[in-house]
Protein backbone atom coordinates (compact mmCIF):
# COMPACT_ATOMS: atom_id res chain seq x y z
CA MET A 1 32.40 59.83 -5.36
CA TYR A 2 34.45 56.81 -6.35
CA PHE A 3 36.39 56.67 -9.61
CA THR A 4 34.09 53.83 -10.74
CA ASP A 5 31.07 56.12 -10.42
CA ARG A 6 32.06 57.80 -13.68
CA GLY A 7 31.94 54.50 -15.52
CA ILE A 8 28.64 53.57 -13.89
CA GLU A 9 27.19 56.96 -14.81
CA GLU A 10 28.34 56.53 -18.41
CA LEU A 11 26.78 53.07 -18.54
CA VAL A 12 23.45 54.39 -17.26
CA GLU A 13 23.58 57.37 -19.62
CA ARG A 14 24.43 55.35 -22.72
CA ARG A 15 22.51 52.13 -22.08
CA GLY A 16 20.09 52.93 -19.27
CA ASP A 17 16.98 52.44 -21.42
CA GLU A 18 18.02 48.96 -22.57
CA GLN A 19 16.96 45.68 -21.01
CA VAL A 20 19.41 42.78 -20.98
CA SER A 21 19.28 39.24 -19.66
CA LEU A 22 21.57 37.96 -16.95
CA GLU A 23 22.82 35.45 -19.51
CA TRP A 24 23.90 38.35 -21.76
CA LEU A 25 25.57 40.08 -18.80
CA GLY A 26 27.38 36.87 -17.85
CA GLU A 27 28.73 36.53 -21.38
CA ARG A 28 29.95 40.14 -21.40
CA LEU A 29 31.67 39.64 -18.03
CA ARG A 30 33.39 36.50 -19.39
CA ASP A 31 34.48 38.44 -22.49
CA PHE A 32 35.86 41.22 -20.28
CA VAL A 33 37.86 38.80 -18.11
CA ASP A 34 39.21 37.06 -21.22
CA LEU A 35 40.50 40.42 -22.44
CA ASN A 36 41.55 41.65 -18.97
CA PRO A 37 42.56 38.66 -16.82
CA GLU A 38 43.92 40.95 -14.10
CA PHE A 39 40.28 41.80 -13.27
CA GLU A 40 39.23 38.18 -12.69
CA THR A 41 38.95 38.55 -8.90
CA PRO A 42 36.87 41.77 -8.86
CA ILE A 43 34.54 40.41 -11.55
CA GLU A 44 34.16 37.16 -9.60
CA ARG A 45 33.29 39.16 -6.47
CA LEU A 46 30.78 41.30 -8.36
CA ALA A 47 29.11 38.27 -9.95
CA THR A 48 28.91 36.47 -6.60
CA TRP A 49 27.50 39.57 -4.91
CA LEU A 50 24.86 39.98 -7.62
CA ALA A 51 23.96 36.27 -7.48
CA ARG A 52 23.43 36.40 -3.72
CA LEU A 53 21.78 39.83 -3.49
CA ASP A 54 18.41 38.48 -2.32
CA ASP A 55 19.84 35.66 -0.19
CA PRO A 56 18.88 36.37 3.43
CA ASP A 57 21.83 34.31 4.72
CA GLU A 58 24.44 36.46 3.01
């Protein structure tokens, strides 16, 4: 189990029944990077990975 699994598990437990738009998620990721600029690269990688998830060329 990775350290991040605890955060993911908490997210699912607390907000797992909610539905959000990708626009909402994008805004929250921007807010997070504004508050935590040292995480810009990992957030960029996550966003790119999510954007290309169904792309057969990736």
